[in-house]
C-alpha atoms as a PDB file:
ATOM      1  CA  MET A   1       0.074  -0.068   0.006  1.00  0.00           C
ATOM      2  CA  ASN A   2       0.944   3.561  -0.370  1.00  0.00           C
ATOM      3  CA  ASP A   3       1.891   5.194   2.674  1.00  0.00           C
ATOM      4  CA  MET A   4       1.871   8.894   1.515  1.00  0.00           C
ATOM      5  CA  PHE A   5      -0.304  10.048   4.180  1.00  0.00           C
ATOM      6  CA  GLU A   6       0.407   8.020   7.092  1.00  0.00           C
ATOM      7  CA  HIS A   7       2.476  10.881   8.849  1.00  0.00           C
ATOM      8  CA  ASN A   8      -0.816  12.785   8.854  1.00  0.00           C
ATOM      9  CA  THR A   9      -3.472  10.392   9.811  1.00  0.00           C
ATOM     10  CA  ASP A  10      -3.947  12.183  13.431  1.00  0.00           C
ATOM     11  CA  ALA A  11      -5.715  15.190  11.536  1.00  0.00           C
ATOM     12  CA  PHE A  12      -8.077  12.753   9.987  1.00  0.00           C
ATOM     13  CA  GLU A  13      -8.555  10.933  13.241  1.00  0.00           C
ATOM     14  CA  ASP A  14      -8.939  13.930  15.622  1.00  0.00           C
ATOM     15  CA  PRO A  15     -11.056  16.785  14.449  1.00  0.00           C
ATOM     16  CA  ASN A  16     -10.694  18.994  16.993  1.00  0.00           C
ATOM     17  CA  ALA A  17      -6.873  19.076  16.420  1.00  0.00           C
ATOM     18  CA  ALA A  18      -6.697  21.668  13.519  1.00  0.00           C
ATOM     19  CA  ALA A  19      -9.417  24.061  15.825  1.00  0.00           C
ATOM     20  CA  ILE A  20      -7.077  23.728  19.023  1.00  0.00           C
ATOM     21  CA  ARG A  21      -4.119  24.689  17.019  1.00  0.00           C
ATOM     22  CA  HIS A  22      -5.921  27.365  15.296  1.00  0.00           C
ATOM     23  CA  LEU A  23      -6.763  28.695  18.487  1.00  0.00           C
ATOM     24  CA  ALA A  24      -3.493  28.579  20.137  1.00  0.00           C
ATOM     25  CA  LYS A  25      -2.763  31.668  17.351  1.00  0.00           C
ATOM     26  CA  LYS A  26      -5.217  33.887  18.754  1.00  0.00           C
ATOM     27  CA  PRO A  27      -4.011  37.045  20.462  1.00  0.00           C
ATOM     28  CA  ASP A  28      -5.355  38.214  23.901  1.00  0.00           C
ATOM     29  CA  ILE A  29      -6.747  41.839  23.099  1.00  0.00           C
ATOM     30  CA  ASN A  30      -8.610  41.689  26.492  1.00  0.00           C
ATOM     31  CA  HIS A  31      -6.061  44.495  27.790  1.00  0.00           C
ATOM     32  CA  LEU A  32      -7.028  46.962  24.476  1.00  0.00           C
ATOM     33  CA  GLU A  33      -9.473  49.686  25.307  1.00  0.00           C
ATOM     34  CA  ASP A  34     -13.031  49.454  23.511  1.00  0.00           C
ATOM     35  CA  GLY A  35     -13.272  50.921  20.076  1.00  0.00           C
ATOM     36  CA  THR A  36     -17.356  51.604  20.763  1.00  0.00           C
ATOM     37  CA  VAL A  37     -19.075  53.174  23.648  1.00  0.00           C
ATOM     38  CA  GLU A  38     -23.050  52.780  24.508  1.00  0.00           C
ATOM     39  CA  THR A  39     -24.989  55.697  24.519  1.00  0.00           C
ATOM     40  CA  PRO A  40     -28.817  56.016  25.216  1.00  0.00           C
ATOM     41  CA  GLU A  41     -28.646  57.199  21.212  1.00  0.00           C
ATOM     42  CA  GLY A  42     -26.971  53.890  20.705  1.00  0.00           C
ATOM     43  CA  ILE A  43     -23.455  52.745  19.927  1.00  0.00           C
ATOM     44  CA  LEU A  44     -20.761  55.499  19.010  1.00  0.00           C
ATOM     45  CA  PRO A  45     -17.162  54.773  17.676  1.00  0.00           C
ATOM     46  CA  LEU A  46     -14.632  56.166  19.581  1.00  0.00           C
ATOM     47  CA  PHE A  47     -12.217  56.283  16.426  1.00  0.00           C
ATOM     48  CA  SER A  48     -12.465  58.397  13.533  1.00  0.00           C
ATOM     49  CA  ILE A  49     -11.316  58.310   9.766  1.00  0.00           C
ATOM     50  CA  GLY A  50      -7.724  57.791   9.210  1.00  0.00           C
ATOM     51  CA  GLU A  51      -7.209  55.969  12.830  1.00  0.00           C
ATOM     52  CA  LYS A  52      -5.887  52.383  13.234  1.00  0.00           C
ATOM     53  CA  ILE A  53      -8.556  49.918  14.823  1.00  0.00           C
ATOM     54  CA  VAL A  54      -8.023  46.279  16.054  1.00  0.00           C
ATOM     55  CA  ILE A  55     -10.950  43.638  14.873  1.00  0.00           C
ATOM     56  CA  GLU A  56     -11.534  40.392  16.209  1.00  0.00           C
ATOM     57  CA  ARG A  57     -13.993  38.433  13.986  1.00  0.00           C
ATOM     58  CA  TYR A  58     -16.017  35.270  14.831  1.00  0.00           C
ATOM     59  CA  CYS A  59     -18.072  33.124  12.254  1.00  0.00           C
ATOM     60  CA  SER A  60     -21.696  33.355  13.045  1.00  0.00           C
ATOM     61  CA  ILE A  61     -22.814  30.475  10.918  1.00  0.00           C
ATOM     62  CA  LEU A  62     -20.969  27.786  12.874  1.00  0.00           C
ATOM     63  CA  VAL A  63     -22.119  26.170  15.617  1.00  0.00           C
ATOM     64  CA  GLY A  64     -20.261  27.681  18.826  1.00  0.00           C
ATOM     65  CA  LYS A  65     -19.256  30.991  16.693  1.00  0.00           C
ATOM     66  CA  PRO A  66     -15.488  29.968  16.513  1.00  0.00           C
ATOM     67  CA  TRP A  67     -12.832  32.423  16.386  1.00  0.00           C
ATOM     68  CA  LEU A  68     -11.808  33.733  12.889  1.00  0.00           C
ATOM     69  CA  ASP A  69      -9.021  36.358  12.989  1.00  0.00           C
ATOM     70  CA  THR A  70      -7.830  39.254  14.749  1.00  0.00           C
ATOM     71  CA  LYS A  71      -6.600  42.076  12.219  1.00  0.00           C
ATOM     72  CA  THR A  72      -5.508  45.859  12.554  1.00  0.00           C
ATOM     73  CA  TYR A  73      -7.272  47.850   9.431  1.00  0.00           C
ATOM     74  CA  ILE A  74      -7.229  51.781   8.869  1.00  0.00           C
ATOM     75  CA  VAL A  75     -10.520  53.324   8.779  1.00  0.00           C
ATOM     76  CA  LYS A  76     -11.333  54.764   5.633  1.00  0.00           C
ATOM     77  CA  ASP A  77     -15.199  55.808   6.074  1.00  0.00           C
ATOM     78  CA  ILE A  78     -17.915  55.579   8.982  1.00  0.00           C
ATOM     79  CA  ASP A  79     -21.742  55.290   8.244  1.00  0.00           C
ATOM     80  CA  ASP A  80     -22.866  56.338  12.029  1.00  0.00           C
ATOM     81  CA  GLU A  81     -26.357  55.614  11.300  1.00  0.00           C
ATOM     82  CA  SER A  82     -26.052  52.000   9.901  1.00  0.00           C
ATOM     83  CA  GLY A  83     -22.796  51.393  11.677  1.00  0.00           C
ATOM     84  CA  TYR A  84     -21.046  50.234   8.447  1.00  0.00           C
ATOM     85  CA  LEU A  85     -16.772  51.081   8.106  1.00  0.00           C
ATOM     86  CA  LYS A  86     -15.141  50.836   5.360  1.00  0.00           C
ATOM     87  CA  LEU A  87     -11.809  49.884   5.914  1.00  0.00           C
ATOM     88  CA  TRP A  88      -8.059  49.079   4.763  1.00  0.00           C
ATOM     89  CA  ASP A  89      -6.084  45.829   5.248  1.00  0.00           C
ATOM     90  CA  PRO A  90      -2.376  47.398   5.427  1.00  0.00           C
ATOM     91  CA  GLU A  91      -0.951  43.635   5.654  1.00  0.00           C
ATOM     92  CA  PHE A  92      -2.727  42.006   2.374  1.00  0.00           C
ATOM     93  CA  GLU A  93      -3.448  45.802   1.006  1.00  0.00           C
ATOM     94  CA  GLN A  94      -7.048  45.796  -0.058  1.00  0.00           C
ATOM     95  CA  GLN A  95     -10.364  47.102   1.069  1.00  0.00           C
ATOM     96  CA  ALA A  96     -12.682  45.588   4.038  1.00  0.00           C
ATOM     97  CA  VAL A  97     -15.871  46.281   5.558  1.00  0.00           C
ATOM     98  CA  SER A  98     -17.460  45.784   8.918  1.00  0.00           C
ATOM     99  CA  ASN A  99     -19.741  47.214  11.256  1.00  0.00           C
ATOM    100  CA  PHE A 100     -19.336  48.369  14.766  1.00  0.00           C
ATOM    101  CA  LYS A 101     -23.039  47.791  15.648  1.00  0.00           C
ATOM    102  CA  VAL A 102     -23.027  44.340  15.392  1.00  0.00           C
ATOM    103  CA  ASP A 103     -23.292  41.908  18.418  1.00  0.00           C
ATOM    104  CA  LYS A 104     -20.124  41.484  20.094  1.00  0.00           C
ATOM    105  CA  SER A 105     -19.903  37.689  19.886  1.00  0.00           C
ATOM    106  CA  ILE A 106     -19.409  38.347  15.903  1.00  0.00           C
ATOM    107  CA  ALA A 107     -16.753  41.137  15.822  1.00  0.00           C
ATOM    108  CA  VAL A 108     -15.134  42.851  19.022  1.00  0.00           C
ATOM    109  CA  ILE A 109     -13.482  46.375  17.598  1.00  0.00           C
ATOM    110  CA  LYS A 110     -10.723  47.652  19.841  1.00  0.00           C
ATOM    111  CA  LEU A 111      -8.202  50.730  19.751  1.00  0.00           C
ATOM    112  CA  PRO A 112      -4.884  49.320  19.008  1.00  0.00           C
ATOM    113  CA  PRO A 113      -2.034  49.985  21.699  1.00  0.00           C
ATOM    114  CA  LYS A 114       0.160  53.112  21.497  1.00  0.00           C
ATOM    115  CA  LYS A 115       3.233  51.121  21.270  1.00  0.00           C
ATOM    116  CA  GLY A 116       3.990  47.398  20.342  1.00  0.00           C
ATOM    117  CA  THR A 117       1.655  44.724  18.800  1.00  0.00           C
ATOM    118  CA  ILE A 118      -1.672  43.633  19.530  1.00  0.00           C
ATOM    119  CA  GLY A 119      -0.148  40.578  20.862  1.00  0.00           C
ATOM    120  CA  ALA A 120       1.858  38.716  18.272  1.00  0.00           C
ATOM    121  CA  LYS A 121       4.396  36.555  19.642  1.00  0.00           C
ATOM    122  CA  LYS A 122       8.229  37.280  18.575  1.00  0.00           C
ATOM    123  CA  ARG A 123      10.121  34.710  16.842  1.00  0.00           C
ATOM    124  CA  GLY A 124      13.533  33.601  17.163  1.00  0.00           C
ATOM    125  CA  ARG A 125      16.027  33.361  20.370  1.00  0.00           C
ATOM    126  CA  PRO A 126      15.492  35.935  22.852  1.00  0.00           C
ATOM    127  CA  LYS A 127      18.233  38.239  23.505  1.00  0.00           C
ATOM    128  CA  SER A 128      20.540  37.030  26.207  1.00  0.00           C
ATOM    129  CA  THR A 129      20.448  39.649  29.111  1.00  0.00           C
ATOM    130  CA  VAL A 130      24.189  38.490  30.221  1.00  0.00           C
ATOM    131  CA  GLU A 131      26.842  41.428  29.572  1.00  0.00           C
ATOM    132  CA  LYS A 132      29.371  40.157  27.236  1.00  0.00           C
ATOM    133  CA  PRO A 133      33.239  41.200  28.487  1.00  0.00           C
ATOM    134  CA  ALA A 134      34.885  43.974  26.273  1.00  0.00           C
ATOM    135  CA  LYS A 135      37.403  42.603  23.670  1.00  0.00           C
ATOM    136  CA  GLU A 136      41.144  42.769  24.853  1.00  0.00           C
ATOM    137  CA  ILE A 137      43.494  44.595  22.614  1.00  0.00           C
ATOM    138  CA  ASN A 138      46.003  42.076  21.448  1.00  0.00           C
ATOM    139  CA  ASP A 139      49.308  43.455  22.237  1.00  0.00           C
ATOM    140  CA  GLY A 140      51.922  42.606  19.647  1.00  0.00           C
ATOM    141  CA  LYS A 141      49.934  39.096  18.859  1.00  0.00           C
ATOM    142  CA  SER A 142      49.292  38.329  15.185  1.00  0.00           C
ATOM    143  CA  ARG A 143      45.823  39.284  14.613  1.00  0.00           C
ATOM    144  CA  ARG A 144      43.864  39.438  11.032  1.00  0.00           C
ATOM    145  CA  GLY A 145      43.415  42.081   8.570  1.00  0.00           C
ATOM    146  CA  ARG A 146      45.497  45.413   8.054  1.00  0.00           C
ATOM    147  CA  PRO A 147      47.942  46.148  10.463  1.00  0.00           C
ATOM    148  CA  PRO A 148      47.098  49.324  12.338  1.00  0.00           C
ATOM    149  CA  GLY A 149      48.954  52.151  11.410  1.00  0.00           C
ATOM    150  CA  SER A 150      49.553  51.066   8.209  1.00  0.00           C
ATOM    151  CA  LYS A 151      47.543  53.518   6.253  1.00  0.00           C
ATOM    152  CA  ASN A 152      48.598  56.550   8.407  1.00  0.00           C
ATOM    153  CA  ARG A 153      52.243  57.271   6.868  1.00  0.00           C
ATOM    154  CA  PRO A 154      53.158  60.304   4.701  1.00  0.00           C
ATOM    155  CA  LYS A 155      53.030  59.396   1.013  1.00  0.00           C
ATOM    156  CA  ASP A 156      56.892  60.301   0.988  1.00  0.00           C
ATOM    157  CA  VAL A 157      57.903  57.631   3.173  1.00  0.00           C
ATOM    158  CA  ILE A 158      55.826  55.321   1.443  1.00  0.00           C
ATOM    159  CA  ALA A 159      57.410  56.251  -2.072  1.00  0.00           C
ATOM    160  CA  LYS A 160      60.924  55.697  -0.669  1.00  0.00           C
ATOM    161  CA  GLU A 161      60.238  52.672   0.659  1.00  0.00           C
ATOM    162  CA  LYS A 162      58.878  51.510  -2.887  1.00  0.00           C
ATOM    163  CA  LYS A 163      61.832  52.687  -4.449  1.00  0.00           C
ATOM    164  CA  ILE A 164      63.896  50.612  -2.247  1.00  0.00           C
ATOM    165  CA  LYS A 165      62.221  47.549  -2.836  1.00  0.00           C
ATOM    166  CA  GLU A 166      62.408  48.186  -6.587  1.00  0.00           C
ATOM    167  CA  GLN A 167      66.318  48.392  -6.422  1.00  0.00           C
ATOM    168  CA  GLU A 168      66.400  45.148  -4.370  1.00  0.00           C
ATOM    169  CA  LYS A 169      64.723  43.153  -6.838  1.00  0.00           C
ATOM    170  CA  LYS A 170      66.853  40.895  -9.012  1.00  0.00           C
ATOM    171  CA  PRO A 171      66.836  42.086 -12.499  1.00  0.00           C
ATOM    172  CA  ARG A 172      65.241  39.491 -15.150  1.00  0.00           C
ATOM    173  CA  VAL A 173      67.154  37.778 -17.550  1.00  0.00           C
ATOM    174  CA  ALA A 174      65.305  37.250 -20.886  1.00  0.00           C
ATOM    175  CA  LYS A 175      64.881  33.571 -21.269  1.00  0.00           C
ATOM    176  CA  LEU A 176      65.768  32.085 -24.882  1.00  0.00           C
ATOM    177  CA  PRO A 177      62.979  30.020 -26.518  1.00  0.00           C
ATOM    178  CA  LYS A 178      64.750  26.374 -26.901  1.00  0.00           C
ATOM    179  CA  PRO A 179      65.317  25.260 -30.264  1.00  0.00           C
ATOM    180  CA  THR A 180      62.986  23.123 -32.099  1.00  0.00           C
ATOM    181  CA  LYS A 181      63.324  20.061 -33.934  1.00  0.00           C
ATOM    182  CA  PRO A 182      62.022  20.157 -37.525  1.00  0.00           C
ATOM    183  CA  VAL A 183      59.262  18.158 -37.752  1.00  0.00           C
ATOM    184  CA  LYS A 184      58.872  15.284 -40.240  1.00  0.00           C
ATOM    185  CA  THR A 185      56.048  15.007 -41.961  1.00  0.00           C
ATOM    186  CA  LYS A 186      54.909  11.900 -43.591  1.00  0.00           C
ATOM    187  CA  THR A 187      54.015  11.640 -47.422  1.00  0.00           C
ATOM    188  CA  ARG A 188      51.664   9.132 -48.723  1.00  0.00           C
ATOM    189  CA  LYS A 189      52.390   6.910 -51.246  1.00  0.00           C
ATOM    190  CA  LYS A 190      50.684   6.980 -54.701  1.00  0.00           C
ATOM    191  CA  ARG A 191      48.358   4.333 -55.479  1.00  0.00           C
ATOM    192  CA  LYS A 192      48.749   2.600 -58.248  1.00  0.00           C
ATOM    193  CA  SER A 193      46.103   2.345 -60.348  1.00  0.00           C
ATOM    194  CA  LYS A 194      45.051  -0.855 -62.323  1.00  0.00           C
END
C-alpha cells in the first residue's frame, strides 16, 4: 500500500486538533481599550477616519461561533446611522468592511495600543541579558586584517620604501626559447591504378 498520508493520519482521526492549533494563534486583546461606547442614542465609535482599529472576528454561521482572525485595519469611512465601516487592510493591501453596531459575539472592535503589537509572539531566540566582556586588545600578537597604522604614514615615506624595494629586486634575465626540432611529415605513397 502507499503510505503517502501516514504521517498526517492524526489530523483525520481528531477533528478538534486543527481547531485547537488555530485557537493557539489567537492573540489576547482584552487589555486594549474598547473601540465603541454604548449611549442612550445607540452605539458610537471612539475612533475617526484615518485611525487604526483592531477587529477580532468570529464566524456567526458555525456552531459555537469560532474565532476567525484578529487584524488591524485603517478606517477609511464611517456611516454612523448603519454602523458600516469602510476599512483598509495594510497587511494584504486590500479593502475590507465591517460594522460597529453588530453583536460583540460576531466582531469585537478595540483601539490599538500606543506602542508595540496586539499580541503577536516574537519569533527567534530571545536576546541574552548577560553582558559580554569587552574584547581585549592584542598587544603584539598576530591578528587578522590590515596592520594598524599602515595607512597613516606619509606618502613620501611610502614612495622611498617603494624605490628601495625596486632596487633590491633581482634583474630579470630574458629566457631564450628552446630550439625546436624540425618536424618530419609523412608523405603518402601514391596508389597504383589498375
